[in-house]
Amino acid sequence: MTPIDFQKYTVDAPTYDEVSARYQAIHEALDAASSGTGGAEAFIAAVEEWDAYRRELGNWSSLVSIRFHQDTANEEYKKAREYCDELRPKLTDLAVTMKRRLLDCPFREQLAAKFGELIFELWTCDVASFDPVIEKDLVEESKLDSEYTELVASARFEFQGETLTLSQLGKYAEHPDREIRHAAAKLNSDWFAENQSAFDRIYHELVQLRQQMATKLQYDNFVPLGYKLMQRIDYSQNDVEQFRAQVRDEVVPLCVELRRRQAENLGLDKLYAWDEGIHDTSGNPKPAGDHDWLIERATEMFADLGSGLDAFFDKMKQQHLMDLKSREGKAGGGFCDSLPNLKMPFIFANFNGTKGDVEVFTHEMGHAFQCYCSGDQPLSDYLWPTTEACEIHSMSLEFLTWPQMELFFGDDASRFRHLHLTESILFLPYGVLVDHFQHHVYENPGASVEERNAMWRELEAIYLPWRDYGDLAHPASGRRWQRQLHIYGMPFYYIDYTLALTCALQLWVRAESDREATMLDYVKLCHRGGEAPFQQLVDSVGLKSPFQPGCLSEVVTAAKRELGLE
């Protein structure tokens, strides 16, 4: 395949009639195979034709989403996103109809032999989470998600002689001067307070809409539907509850001690929310250069790391498959998306001059490398694993690149590693807090805006007992969650970061004693993509499932030892 320049890459938008006609032709091929013309072999060939077409459609949908995130104010990109949002449920209907047929086909045994039994479990989830009756609801859900994205992207701040986006303002959370940190946090809080009614309305409407969809699909509430949408097939809500309890009992006490030591290191009697982003008086380590300098260092890092990451990163650069600079109109956050027609991924981030630039970059590169490695999986359903497994690749690469951190931080590399581990441990309670909150919200869809905020405050006291917002009125009101885009646009995703981090920490421990074998296991996991469910993938490289008793105890013990807290 001739390499493309993504900056110039375009794809024609499909029409519903075109897609419907292609599907009809595939159905006719399946009919012919089922009636005796060609049998199982012809049936499988028709399934493969369908999958190739799904990749084409996915490629277009990803490109539309990427362009919109690159410039949320671009009218052409907005219209393309709106068109995609309108068309997507209709395409889902066509795909689910096909999956329903394949679940009950005469050649199921042969399909399982060719593609694996897992595909039927995934398709069963998809069939159980969609019906044409919710098409309009899905369109409205996408519009509300886009409204949230555009609102966050519109934030502007005049601060320290600069005009800043929300992502750019974030660098001041790590400023050594406490007054500057507080002033930046106050600006952030005030902006969210000024837009509070919009954030409240968007989420309230999303909750009601999701409850409405659940009711139409014969679920009591959105929680079981949300689990089906996430394709959770080898663990249950009860498993998640037990994992959250482990974090509460084993990790929260360690985090309380980490925050106490942080306050001591900063010379503070009281640690406020605006102090949490910095861990000693010299300030957090920062990369020693700008975007272009970081890319040069990353080239050296991947050349040193090898394992195929070096050649892969060269392709990412050559084809301009990264957008990492923060700028006006660009959506916040970071993500990786796939472009199946190109057999390449795309990564998106918002560099702001902090250590987070390196962390987010290595994280998204972990996703990208996995996507690249699994690009030849026989079905697009296996291109990505389910999301908790996806996050293992990303979070693990953050730790597996530790030996190369001198390239970015020089003499501060050891401080960076210490801080990265500290913040990883501190993240676990926040991650399960977000998940617990969402369960409460969707189990109580009739709750008012203020009742939901009270839920957050109660859970925050359990999982983040040290948190004090001082005079930051907006988060103190129980609305800190409104800054978490996953809560709006990706319900029930967030626990996946904590499950994956538990696995990534195991790989970190293993790499400390046998880096070569650990890298081999990491690459093996990337190549497997989604060909097995979460716990089977974890087991295949010798990791313990996060749901296994004692799993957290081991990583907590290792972290305490590394951080000098034994």
Protein backbone atom coordinates (compact mmCIF):
# COMPACT_ATOMS: atom_id res chain seq x y z
CA MET A 1 0.00 0.00 0.00
CA THR A 2 1.36 3.41 -1.00
CA PRO A 3 1.88 5.58 2.12
CA ILE A 4 -0.52 8.49 2.37
CA ASP A 5 -0.17 11.95 3.86
CA PHE A 6 -2.98 12.13 6.40
CA GLN A 7 -3.04 15.92 6.22
CA LYS A 8 -4.36 15.57 2.65
CA TYR A 9 -6.37 12.39 3.16
CA THR A 10 -10.05 12.42 2.22
CA VAL A 11 -12.76 9.79 1.95
CA ASP A 12 -16.11 10.17 0.22
CA ALA A 13 -19.09 9.95 2.53
CA PRO A 14 -21.39 6.99 1.84
CA THR A 15 -25.13 7.36 1.38
CA TYR A 16 -27.61 5.09 3.07
CA ASP A 17 -28.85 3.80 -0.28
CA GLU A 18 -25.31 2.81 -1.29
CA VAL A 19 -24.69 1.00 1.97
CA SER A 20 -28.08 -0.71 1.91
CA ALA A 21 -27.43 -1.96 -1.62
CA ARG A 22 -24.06 -3.42 -0.61
CA TYR A 23 -25.67 -5.16 2.34
CA GLN A 24 -28.43 -6.54 0.13
CA ALA A 25 -25.84 -8.01 -2.24
CA ILE A 26 -24.05 -9.69 0.67
CA HIS A 27 -27.34 -11.10 1.98
CA GLU A 28 -28.03 -12.53 -1.48
CA ALA A 29 -24.61 -14.18 -1.48
CA LEU A 30 -25.38 -15.69 1.93
CA ASP A 31 -28.74 -16.88 0.64
CA ALA A 32 -27.07 -18.60 -2.30
CA ALA A 33 -24.48 -20.24 -0.06
CA SER A 34 -27.16 -21.42 2.36
CA SER A 35 -29.26 -22.95 -0.43
CA GLY A 36 -26.40 -25.14 -1.54
CA THR A 37 -24.38 -23.05 -3.99
CA GLY A 38 -20.90 -23.10 -2.54
CA GLY A 39 -21.88 -24.14 0.98
CA ALA A 40 -19.81 -23.12 3.99
CA GLU A 41 -16.86 -21.92 1.92
CA ALA A 42 -19.02 -19.47 -0.05
CA PHE A 43 -20.78 -18.42 3.15
CA ILE A 44 -17.47 -17.57 4.82
CA ALA A 45 -16.36 -15.65 1.71
CA ALA A 46 -19.52 -13.52 1.94
CA VAL A 47 -18.83 -12.84 5.63
CA GLU A 48 -15.30 -11.74 4.71
CA GLU A 49 -16.70 -9.43 2.03
CA TRP A 50 -19.04 -7.93 4.64
CA ASP A 51 -16.16 -7.41 7.04
CA ALA A 52 -14.06 -5.66 4.39
CA TYR A 53 -16.97 -3.29 3.78
CA ARG A 54 -17.36 -2.68 7.51
CA ARG A 55 -13.71 -1.59 7.57
CA GLU A 56 -14.40 0.90 4.79
CA LEU A 57 -17.31 2.37 6.72
CA GLY A 58 -15.31 2.44 9.94
CA ASN A 59 -12.47 4.21 8.15
CA TRP A 60 -14.85 6.96 7.00
CA SER A 61 -16.48 7.31 10.42
CA SER A 62 -13.08 7.59 12.15
CA LEU A 63 -11.89 10.22 9.69
CA VAL A 64 -15.01 12.33 10.30
CA SER A 65 -14.50 12.13 14.07
CA ILE A 66 -10.79 12.98 13.87
CA ARG A 67 -11.35 16.03 11.65
CA PHE A 68 -14.08 17.34 13.96
CA HIS A 69 -11.81 16.97 17.01
CA GLN A 70 -9.00 18.73 15.16
CA ASP A 71 -11.16 21.81 14.62
CA THR A 72 -14.53 21.89 16.37
CA ALA A 73 -15.27 25.35 14.91
CA ASN A 74 -14.89 24.22 11.28
CA GLU A 75 -18.36 24.28 9.72
CA GLU A 76 -17.53 21.66 7.12
CA TYR A 77 -16.26 19.27 9.80
CA LYS A 78 -19.29 19.96 12.00
CA LYS A 79 -21.69 19.20 9.15
CA ALA A 80 -19.80 16.00 8.36
CA ARG A 81 -20.02 14.98 12.03
CA GLU A 82 -23.77 15.73 12.08
CA TYR A 83 -24.28 13.69 8.91
CA CYS A 84 -22.29 10.80 10.41
CA ASP A 85 -24.32 11.01 13.63
CA GLU A 86 -27.55 10.85 11.65
CA LEU A 87 -26.40 7.94 9.49
CA ARG A 88 -24.66 5.84 12.16
CA PRO A 89 -27.78 4.31 13.78
CA LYS A 90 -29.05 3.25 10.36
CA LEU A 91 -25.70 1.59 9.63
CA THR A 92 -25.83 -0.04 13.05
CA ASP A 93 -29.26 -1.41 12.19
CA LEU A 94 -27.91 -2.99 8.99
CA ALA A 95 -24.93 -4.44 10.86
CA VAL A 96 -27.02 -5.82 13.74
CA THR A 97 -29.46 -7.41 11.30
CA MET A 98 -26.48 -9.15 9.70
CA LYS A 99 -25.11 -10.27 13.06
CA ARG A 100 -28.52 -11.60 14.10
CA ARG A 101 -28.62 -13.64 10.91
CA LEU A 102 -25.10 -15.00 11.45
CA LEU A 103 -25.90 -16.00 15.04
CA ASP A 104 -28.59 -18.30 13.67
CA CYS A 105 -26.93 -19.42 10.44
CA PRO A 106 -26.55 -23.02 9.17
CA PHE A 107 -22.74 -22.76 9.16
CA ARG A 108 -22.15 -21.55 12.69
CA GLU A 109 -19.77 -24.40 13.44
CA GLN A 110 -17.65 -23.57 10.39
CA LEU A 111 -17.68 -19.86 11.21
CA ALA A 112 -16.50 -20.64 14.75
CA ALA A 113 -13.71 -22.83 13.35
CA LYS A 114 -12.63 -19.98 11.05
CA PHE A 115 -13.05 -16.96 13.33
CA GLY A 116 -13.34 -18.35 16.85
CA GLU A 117 -16.32 -18.81 19.16
CA LEU A 118 -15.74 -15.38 20.73
CA ILE A 119 -17.28 -13.64 17.75
CA PHE A 120 -20.69 -15.05 18.61
CA GLU A 121 -20.45 -13.75 22.17
CA LEU A 122 -19.53 -10.27 20.89
CA TRP A 123 -22.33 -10.26 18.34
CA THR A 124 -24.79 -11.42 20.99
CA CYS A 125 -23.92 -8.30 23.01
CA ASP A 126 -24.39 -6.11 19.93
CA VAL A 127 -27.77 -7.64 19.13
CA ALA A 128 -28.91 -7.21 22.73
CA SER A 129 -27.95 -3.52 22.79
CA PHE A 130 -29.65 -2.26 19.63
CA ASP A 131 -33.06 -2.09 17.99
CA PRO A 132 -34.31 0.38 15.34
CA VAL A 133 -36.67 1.74 17.98
CA ILE A 134 -33.72 3.62 19.56
CA GLU A 135 -32.31 5.09 16.32
CA LYS A 136 -33.52 8.64 17.03
CA ASP A 137 -32.30 8.39 20.61
CA LEU A 138 -28.80 7.48 19.43
CA VAL A 139 -28.75 10.48 17.09
CA GLU A 140 -29.76 12.76 19.95
CA GLU A 141 -27.14 11.16 22.22
CA SER A 142 -24.42 11.92 19.66
CA LYS A 143 -25.62 15.53 19.36
CA LEU A 144 -25.45 16.02 23.12
CA ASP A 145 -21.96 14.50 23.22
CA SER A 146 -20.86 16.88 20.45
CA GLU A 147 -22.39 19.80 22.34
CA TYR A 148 -20.31 18.91 25.40
CA THR A 149 -17.14 18.60 23.28
CA GLU A 150 -17.70 21.96 21.61
CA LEU A 151 -18.50 23.68 24.90
CA VAL A 152 -15.26 22.48 26.54
CA ALA A 153 -13.27 23.39 23.41
CA SER A 154 -14.70 26.94 23.48
CA ALA A 155 -13.14 27.85 26.86
CA ARG A 156 -10.67 30.78 26.74
CA PHE A 157 -8.65 32.29 29.57
CA GLU A 158 -6.51 35.40 29.81
CA PHE A 159 -3.80 34.38 32.26
CA GLN A 160 -0.16 35.28 32.84
CA GLY A 161 -0.10 37.33 29.66
CA GLU A 162 -1.43 34.51 27.48
CA THR A 163 -4.74 33.53 25.89
CA LEU A 164 -5.20 29.90 26.82
CA THR A 165 -7.52 26.99 26.09
CA LEU A 166 -8.63 24.71 28.93
CA SER A 167 -5.89 22.21 28.02
CA GLN A 168 -3.25 24.95 28.00
CA LEU A 169 -4.41 26.35 31.33
CA GLY A 170 -3.77 22.90 32.79
CA LYS A 171 -0.02 23.46 32.84
CA TYR A 172 -0.47 25.93 35.71
CA ALA A 173 -1.76 23.14 37.96
CA GLU A 174 1.92 22.17 38.20
CA HIS A 175 3.34 25.65 38.75
CA PRO A 176 5.72 25.91 41.74
CA ASP A 177 4.09 29.18 42.87
CA ARG A 178 1.07 28.31 45.01
CA GLU A 179 -0.70 31.60 44.32
CA ILE A 180 -0.46 31.02 40.58
CA ARG A 181 -1.77 27.46 40.98
CA HIS A 182 -4.70 28.76 42.98
CA ALA A 183 -5.44 31.57 40.52
CA ALA A 184 -5.46 29.10 37.61
CA ALA A 185 -7.72 26.71 39.53
CA LYS A 186 -10.06 29.60 40.36
CA LEU A 187 -10.29 30.57 36.68
CA ASN A 188 -11.09 26.96 35.82
CA SER A 189 -13.72 26.71 38.55
CA ASP A 190 -15.31 30.04 37.61
CA TRP A 191 -15.56 29.10 33.92
CA PHE A 192 -17.34 25.83 34.75
CA ALA A 193 -19.61 27.75 37.16
CA GLU A 194 -20.48 30.26 34.42
CA ASN A 195 -21.45 27.35 32.15
CA GLN A 196 -22.95 25.26 34.92
CA SER A 197 -26.49 25.29 33.60
CA ALA A 198 -25.33 23.95 30.22
CA PHE A 199 -23.25 21.16 31.79
CA ASP A 200 -26.13 20.26 34.12
CA ARG A 201 -28.66 20.23 31.28
CA ILE A 202 -26.54 18.20 28.85
CA TYR A 203 -25.89 15.45 31.36
CA HIS A 204 -29.43 15.38 32.69
CA GLU A 205 -30.71 14.96 29.15
CA LEU A 206 -28.16 12.21 28.48
CA VAL A 207 -29.22 10.30 31.58
CA GLN A 208 -32.91 10.54 30.66
CA LEU A 209 -32.16 9.55 27.08
CA ARG A 210 -30.12 6.50 28.12
CA GLN A 211 -32.83 5.42 30.55
CA GLN A 212 -35.35 5.79 27.73
CA MET A 213 -33.25 3.57 25.46
CA ALA A 214 -32.87 0.98 28.21
CA THR A 215 -36.63 0.89 28.76
CA LYS A 216 -37.29 0.46 25.05
CA LEU A 217 -34.87 -2.48 25.00
CA GLN A 218 -36.58 -4.08 28.01
CA TYR A 219 -33.90 -3.33 30.62
CA ASP A 220 -34.77 -1.99 34.07
CA ASN A 221 -32.16 0.76 33.73
CA PHE A 222 -29.13 1.69 31.66
CA VAL A 223 -26.58 -0.28 33.71
CA PRO A 224 -27.09 -3.70 32.08
CA LEU A 225 -27.44 -2.04 28.66
CA GLY A 226 -24.20 -0.15 29.32
CA TYR A 227 -22.43 -3.43 30.09
CA LYS A 228 -23.72 -4.93 26.83
CA LEU A 229 -22.52 -1.87 24.91
CA MET A 230 -19.08 -2.36 26.47
CA GLN A 231 -19.20 -6.05 25.43
CA ARG A 232 -18.36 -7.27 28.93
CA ILE A 233 -18.65 -11.02 28.53
CA ASP A 234 -16.31 -12.58 31.09
CA TYR A 235 -17.02 -10.57 34.22
CA SER A 236 -20.04 -9.08 35.92
CA GLN A 237 -21.22 -6.00 37.78
CA ASN A 238 -20.56 -7.93 40.98
CA ASP A 239 -16.91 -8.46 39.96
CA VAL A 240 -16.57 -4.72 39.39
CA GLU A 241 -18.10 -3.97 42.79
CA GLN A 242 -15.61 -6.30 44.48
CA PHE A 243 -12.72 -4.67 42.64
CA ARG A 244 -13.87 -1.20 43.75
CA ALA A 245 -14.00 -2.51 47.32
CA GLN A 246 -10.40 -3.75 47.00
CA VAL A 247 -9.29 -0.31 45.87
CA ARG A 248 -11.18 1.32 48.74
CA ASP A 249 -9.67 -1.01 51.34
CA GLU A 250 -6.12 -1.48 50.03
CA VAL A 251 -5.26 1.54 47.89
CA VAL A 252 -7.07 4.46 49.54
CA PRO A 253 -5.04 4.16 52.80
CA LEU A 254 -1.82 4.23 50.77
CA CYS A 255 -3.06 7.29 48.89
CA VAL A 256 -3.85 9.07 52.16
CA GLU A 257 -0.23 8.50 53.16
CA LEU A 258 1.02 9.69 49.76
CA ARG A 259 -0.98 12.91 50.07
CA ARG A 260 0.29 13.41 53.64
CA ARG A 261 3.88 13.05 52.42
CA GLN A 262 3.13 15.38 49.50
CA ALA A 263 1.95 18.12 51.87
CA GLU A 264 5.05 17.59 53.98
CA ASN A 265 7.35 17.82 50.95
CA LEU A 266 5.64 21.05 49.90
CA GLY A 267 5.90 22.48 53.40
CA LEU A 268 2.13 22.87 53.67
CA ASP A 269 -0.03 22.46 56.74
CA LYS A 270 -3.04 21.87 54.51
CA LEU A 271 -3.16 20.35 51.03
CA TYR A 272 -5.87 21.91 48.87
CA ALA A 273 -7.13 20.68 45.50
CA TRP A 274 -4.92 23.19 43.65
CA ASP A 275 -1.84 21.74 45.39
CA GLU A 276 -2.43 18.15 44.32
CA GLY A 277 -0.77 18.51 40.92
CA ILE A 278 2.71 19.27 42.30
CA HIS A 279 4.77 17.05 44.57
CA ASP A 280 7.80 19.00 45.73
CA THR A 281 8.96 22.60 45.97
CA SER A 282 11.23 22.37 42.94
CA GLY A 283 8.17 21.74 40.76
CA ASN A 284 7.31 18.74 38.68
CA PRO A 285 9.85 17.62 36.08
CA LYS A 286 9.13 18.95 32.60
CA PRO A 287 10.31 17.83 29.18
CA ALA A 288 13.20 20.00 28.10
CA GLY A 289 11.83 21.00 24.69
CA ASP A 290 8.82 21.72 22.51
CA HIS A 291 6.74 19.50 20.23
CA ASP A 292 9.38 19.00 17.54
CA TRP A 293 12.06 18.30 20.15
CA LEU A 294 9.78 15.74 21.79
CA ILE A 295 9.25 13.94 18.49
CA GLU A 296 13.02 13.76 17.96
CA ARG A 297 13.49 12.30 21.45
CA ALA A 298 10.64 9.86 20.85
CA THR A 299 12.40 8.64 17.71
CA GLU A 300 15.47 7.87 19.82
CA MET A 301 13.32 6.24 22.49
CA PHE A 302 11.61 3.84 20.10
CA ALA A 303 14.87 3.05 18.32
CA ASP A 304 16.29 2.02 21.69
CA LEU A 305 13.17 0.11 22.70
CA GLY A 306 12.95 -1.79 19.39
CA SER A 307 10.42 -4.64 19.27
CA GLY A 308 8.93 -3.15 16.09
CA LEU A 309 8.05 0.15 17.76
CA ASP A 310 10.89 1.90 15.93
CA ALA A 311 9.72 1.06 12.39
CA PHE A 312 6.11 1.71 13.37
CA PHE A 313 6.88 5.18 14.73
CA ASP A 314 8.73 6.07 11.53
CA LYS A 315 5.53 5.29 9.60
CA MET A 316 3.46 7.42 11.96
CA LYS A 317 5.77 10.38 11.35
CA GLN A 318 6.03 9.92 7.60
CA GLN A 319 2.27 9.79 7.16
CA HIS A 320 1.50 12.64 9.61
CA LEU A 321 -0.70 10.39 11.72
CA MET A 322 -0.29 12.45 14.89
CA ASP A 323 -1.86 15.73 16.00
CA LEU A 324 -0.32 16.66 19.34
CA LYS A 325 -0.20 20.47 19.58
CA SER A 326 -2.84 22.33 21.57
CA ARG A 327 -4.53 25.15 19.67
CA GLU A 328 -7.68 27.22 19.48
CA GLY A 329 -10.75 25.31 18.35
CA LYS A 330 -9.18 21.91 18.92
CA ALA A 331 -11.08 19.51 21.17
CA GLY A 332 -9.56 18.68 24.53
CA GLY A 333 -8.16 15.36 25.70
CA GLY A 334 -6.29 12.66 23.88
CA PHE A 335 -7.25 9.50 22.01
CA CYS A 336 -6.21 6.96 19.43
CA ASP A 337 -8.42 5.97 16.50
CA SER A 338 -8.01 3.41 13.74
CA LEU A 339 -8.04 3.87 9.97
CA PRO A 340 -8.61 0.30 8.77
CA ASN A 341 -8.25 1.06 5.07
CA LEU A 342 -4.77 2.40 5.74
CA LYS A 343 -3.96 -0.34 8.28
CA MET A 344 -2.72 2.49 10.47
CA PRO A 345 -3.89 4.29 13.61
CA PHE A 346 -4.06 8.00 14.40
CA ILE A 347 -3.20 9.65 17.72
CA PHE A 348 -4.53 12.93 19.08
CA ALA A 349 -3.34 14.92 22.11
CA ASN A 350 -2.93 18.44 23.48
CA PHE A 351 0.65 19.13 24.53
CA ASN A 352 0.95 21.89 27.13
CA GLY A 353 4.60 21.76 28.21
CA THR A 354 4.14 19.49 31.24
CA LYS A 355 5.30 15.96 32.03
CA GLY A 356 1.79 14.92 30.95
CA ASP A 357 2.87 15.44 27.35
CA VAL A 358 5.22 12.47 27.65
CA GLU A 359 2.70 10.40 29.60
CA VAL A 360 -0.17 11.00 27.19
CA PHE A 361 2.08 10.48 24.17
CA THR A 362 3.42 7.11 25.35
CA HIS A 363 -0.10 6.10 26.42
CA GLU A 364 -1.65 6.81 23.01
CA MET A 365 1.33 5.23 21.25
CA GLY A 366 0.60 2.05 23.20
CA HIS A 367 -2.92 2.03 21.77
CA ALA A 368 -1.60 2.83 18.32
CA PHE A 369 1.03 0.06 18.33
CA GLN A 370 -1.56 -2.53 19.37
CA CYS A 371 -3.93 -1.37 16.62
CA TYR A 372 -1.11 -1.61 14.08
CA CYS A 373 -0.01 -5.06 15.28
CA SER A 374 -3.52 -6.50 15.12
CA GLY A 375 -4.43 -4.92 11.78
CA ASP A 376 -4.44 -8.31 10.03
CA GLN A 377 -6.90 -9.94 12.41
CA PRO A 378 -9.47 -11.85 10.33
CA LEU A 379 -12.43 -9.77 11.51
CA SER A 380 -12.69 -6.09 12.35
CA ASP A 381 -14.36 -7.15 15.61
CA TYR A 382 -10.89 -8.30 16.70
CA LEU A 383 -8.98 -5.19 15.57
CA TRP A 384 -9.37 -3.82 19.11
CA PRO A 385 -10.01 -5.87 22.22
CA THR A 386 -12.67 -4.76 24.65
CA THR A 387 -11.64 -1.48 26.23
CA GLU A 388 -10.29 -2.69 29.57
CA ALA A 389 -7.84 -4.85 27.61
CA CYS A 390 -7.12 -1.95 25.22
CA GLU A 391 -5.91 0.15 28.12
CA ILE A 392 -3.34 -2.48 29.12
CA HIS A 393 -1.33 -1.76 25.97
CA SER A 394 -1.38 1.99 26.57
CA MET A 395 -0.71 2.05 30.30
CA SER A 396 1.95 -0.65 30.06
CA LEU A 397 3.94 1.31 27.48
CA GLU A 398 4.05 4.23 29.92
CA PHE A 399 5.96 1.97 32.32
CA LEU A 400 7.97 0.03 29.74
CA THR A 401 9.52 3.29 28.48
CA TRP A 402 10.85 4.20 31.94
CA PRO A 403 14.49 3.41 31.00
CA GLN A 404 14.29 5.98 28.18
CA MET A 405 12.96 8.85 30.28
CA GLU A 406 16.39 10.49 30.53
CA LEU A 407 15.87 11.46 26.90
CA PHE A 408 13.00 13.74 27.92
CA PHE A 409 13.82 14.74 31.49
CA GLY A 410 17.61 14.45 31.79
CA ASP A 411 18.71 14.51 35.42
CA ASP A 412 15.04 14.73 36.47
CA ALA A 413 14.20 11.31 35.00
CA SER A 414 14.33 9.51 38.34
CA ARG A 415 12.01 12.14 39.82
CA PHE A 416 9.67 11.63 36.87
CA ARG A 417 9.57 7.86 37.39
CA HIS A 418 8.87 8.31 41.10
CA LEU A 419 6.10 10.80 40.32
CA HIS A 420 4.61 8.70 37.53
CA LEU A 421 4.25 5.74 39.87
CA THR A 422 2.87 7.94 42.65
CA GLU A 423 0.22 9.43 40.40
CA SER A 424 -0.66 6.02 38.96
CA ILE A 425 -1.44 4.77 42.46
CA LEU A 426 -3.35 7.97 43.25
CA PHE A 427 -5.39 7.50 40.09
CA LEU A 428 -6.88 4.16 41.14
CA PRO A 429 -9.34 5.59 43.72
CA TYR A 430 -10.41 8.36 41.35
CA GLY A 431 -10.97 5.85 38.55
CA VAL A 432 -13.25 3.65 40.61
CA LEU A 433 -15.00 6.74 42.02
CA VAL A 434 -16.04 7.73 38.49
CA ASP A 435 -17.37 4.22 37.87
CA HIS A 436 -19.22 4.01 41.20
CA PHE A 437 -20.81 7.40 40.54
CA GLN A 438 -22.09 6.28 37.14
CA HIS A 439 -23.66 3.17 38.64
CA HIS A 440 -25.47 5.33 41.20
CA VAL A 441 -26.63 7.76 38.50
CA TYR A 442 -28.03 5.13 36.15
CA GLU A 443 -29.56 3.06 38.94
CA ASN A 444 -31.41 6.23 40.01
CA PRO A 445 -32.36 7.88 36.69
CA GLY A 446 -35.04 9.97 38.34
CA ALA A 447 -32.53 11.79 40.55
CA SER A 448 -32.35 15.56 40.28
CA VAL A 449 -29.23 17.49 39.32
CA GLU A 450 -28.51 18.30 42.97
CA GLU A 451 -29.11 14.70 44.06
CA ARG A 452 -26.52 13.56 41.55
CA ASN A 453 -24.04 16.10 42.88
CA ALA A 454 -24.71 14.82 46.39
CA MET A 455 -23.90 11.29 45.16
CA TRP A 456 -20.53 12.53 43.92
CA ARG A 457 -19.74 14.30 47.20
CA GLU A 458 -20.57 11.19 49.22
CA LEU A 459 -18.41 8.94 47.05
CA GLU A 460 -15.61 11.48 46.91
CA ALA A 461 -15.46 11.38 50.72
CA ILE A 462 -14.95 7.60 50.52
CA TYR A 463 -12.41 7.39 47.71
CA LEU A 464 -10.66 10.79 47.99
CA PRO A 465 -10.97 11.58 51.72
CA TRP A 466 -8.13 14.11 51.58
CA ARG A 467 -9.76 16.31 48.92
CA ASP A 468 -10.48 19.93 49.98
CA TYR A 469 -11.61 22.44 47.35
CA GLY A 470 -11.28 25.50 49.58
CA ASP A 471 -12.91 28.45 47.83
CA LEU A 472 -13.40 26.66 44.48
CA ALA A 473 -17.18 26.81 44.50
CA HIS A 474 -17.95 24.76 41.40
CA PRO A 475 -16.16 21.50 42.32
CA ALA A 476 -17.07 22.01 46.00
CA SER A 477 -20.74 21.86 44.94
CA GLY A 478 -20.24 18.26 43.83
CA ARG A 479 -19.66 19.01 40.16
CA ARG A 480 -16.00 18.05 39.75
CA TRP A 481 -17.18 15.14 37.59
CA GLN A 482 -18.30 17.55 34.88
CA ARG A 483 -14.68 17.90 33.77
CA GLN A 484 -14.52 14.16 32.96
CA LEU A 485 -15.53 13.78 29.34
CA HIS A 486 -15.95 10.00 29.68
CA ILE A 487 -18.91 10.54 32.02
CA TYR A 488 -20.74 12.39 29.27
CA GLY A 489 -19.69 10.53 26.14
CA MET A 490 -18.41 7.09 27.21
CA PRO A 491 -20.48 5.71 30.08
CA PHE A 492 -18.88 2.87 32.07
CA TYR A 493 -15.56 3.18 30.21
CA TYR A 494 -13.61 4.68 33.08
CA ILE A 495 -13.27 1.57 35.27
CA ASP A 496 -11.32 0.07 32.39
CA TYR A 497 -8.37 2.36 33.12
CA THR A 498 -8.13 0.99 36.66
CA LEU A 499 -8.46 -2.64 35.60
CA ALA A 500 -5.78 -2.14 32.96
CA LEU A 501 -3.52 -0.20 35.33
CA THR A 502 -3.59 -3.14 37.73
CA CYS A 503 -2.27 -5.30 34.88
CA ALA A 504 0.23 -2.67 33.68
CA LEU A 505 1.69 -2.43 37.18
CA GLN A 506 2.28 -6.18 37.08
CA LEU A 507 4.21 -5.78 33.82
CA TRP A 508 6.20 -2.94 35.43
CA VAL A 509 7.19 -5.23 38.32
CA ARG A 510 8.14 -8.00 35.89
CA ALA A 511 10.14 -5.66 33.64
CA GLU A 512 12.28 -4.58 36.58
CA SER A 513 13.72 -8.11 36.73
CA ASP A 514 13.38 -9.37 33.13
CA ARG A 515 12.83 -6.61 30.61
CA GLU A 516 13.46 -8.70 27.48
CA ALA A 517 10.85 -11.35 28.35
CA THR A 518 8.38 -8.66 29.41
CA MET A 519 8.71 -6.86 26.09
CA LEU A 520 8.12 -10.13 24.24
CA ASP A 521 4.92 -10.67 26.24
CA TYR A 522 3.84 -7.08 25.59
CA VAL A 523 4.27 -7.42 21.82
CA LYS A 524 2.51 -10.80 21.90
CA LEU A 525 -0.45 -9.19 23.66
CA CYS A 526 -0.56 -6.38 21.08
CA HIS A 527 -0.67 -8.84 18.19
CA ARG A 528 -3.57 -10.75 19.74
CA GLY A 529 -5.81 -7.70 19.49
CA GLY A 530 -9.31 -8.71 20.53
CA GLU A 531 -9.20 -12.39 19.60
CA ALA A 532 -9.97 -13.36 23.23
CA PRO A 533 -11.95 -11.79 26.10
CA PHE A 534 -10.24 -9.68 28.74
CA GLN A 535 -9.36 -12.26 31.37
CA GLN A 536 -8.13 -14.77 28.78
CA LEU A 537 -5.84 -12.14 27.23
CA VAL A 538 -4.47 -11.27 30.68
CA ASP A 539 -3.87 -14.94 31.50
CA SER A 540 -2.19 -15.59 28.14
CA VAL A 541 0.81 -13.45 29.16
CA GLY A 542 0.93 -14.67 32.74
CA LEU A 543 -0.83 -11.74 34.42
CA LYS A 544 -3.33 -12.03 37.24
CA SER A 545 -6.85 -10.82 36.62
CA PRO A 546 -7.74 -7.69 38.62
CA PHE A 547 -10.70 -9.69 39.95
CA GLN A 548 -8.42 -12.33 41.43
CA PRO A 549 -8.00 -12.00 45.20
CA GLY A 550 -4.59 -10.63 46.15
CA CYS A 551 -3.84 -9.05 42.78
CA LEU A 552 -3.94 -5.51 44.14
CA SER A 553 -2.02 -6.50 47.27
CA GLU A 554 0.98 -7.52 45.19
CA VAL A 555 1.18 -4.30 43.16
CA VAL A 556 0.53 -2.15 46.24
CA THR A 557 3.39 -3.89 48.04
CA ALA A 558 5.72 -3.33 45.07
CA ALA A 559 4.69 0.34 44.84
CA LYS A 560 5.30 0.90 48.55
CA ARG A 561 8.75 -0.59 48.21
CA GLU A 562 9.60 1.56 45.19
CA LEU A 563 8.27 4.71 46.86
CA GLY A 564 10.02 4.06 50.16
CA LEU A 565 6.84 3.60 52.18
CA GLU A 566 7.42 0.12 53.60
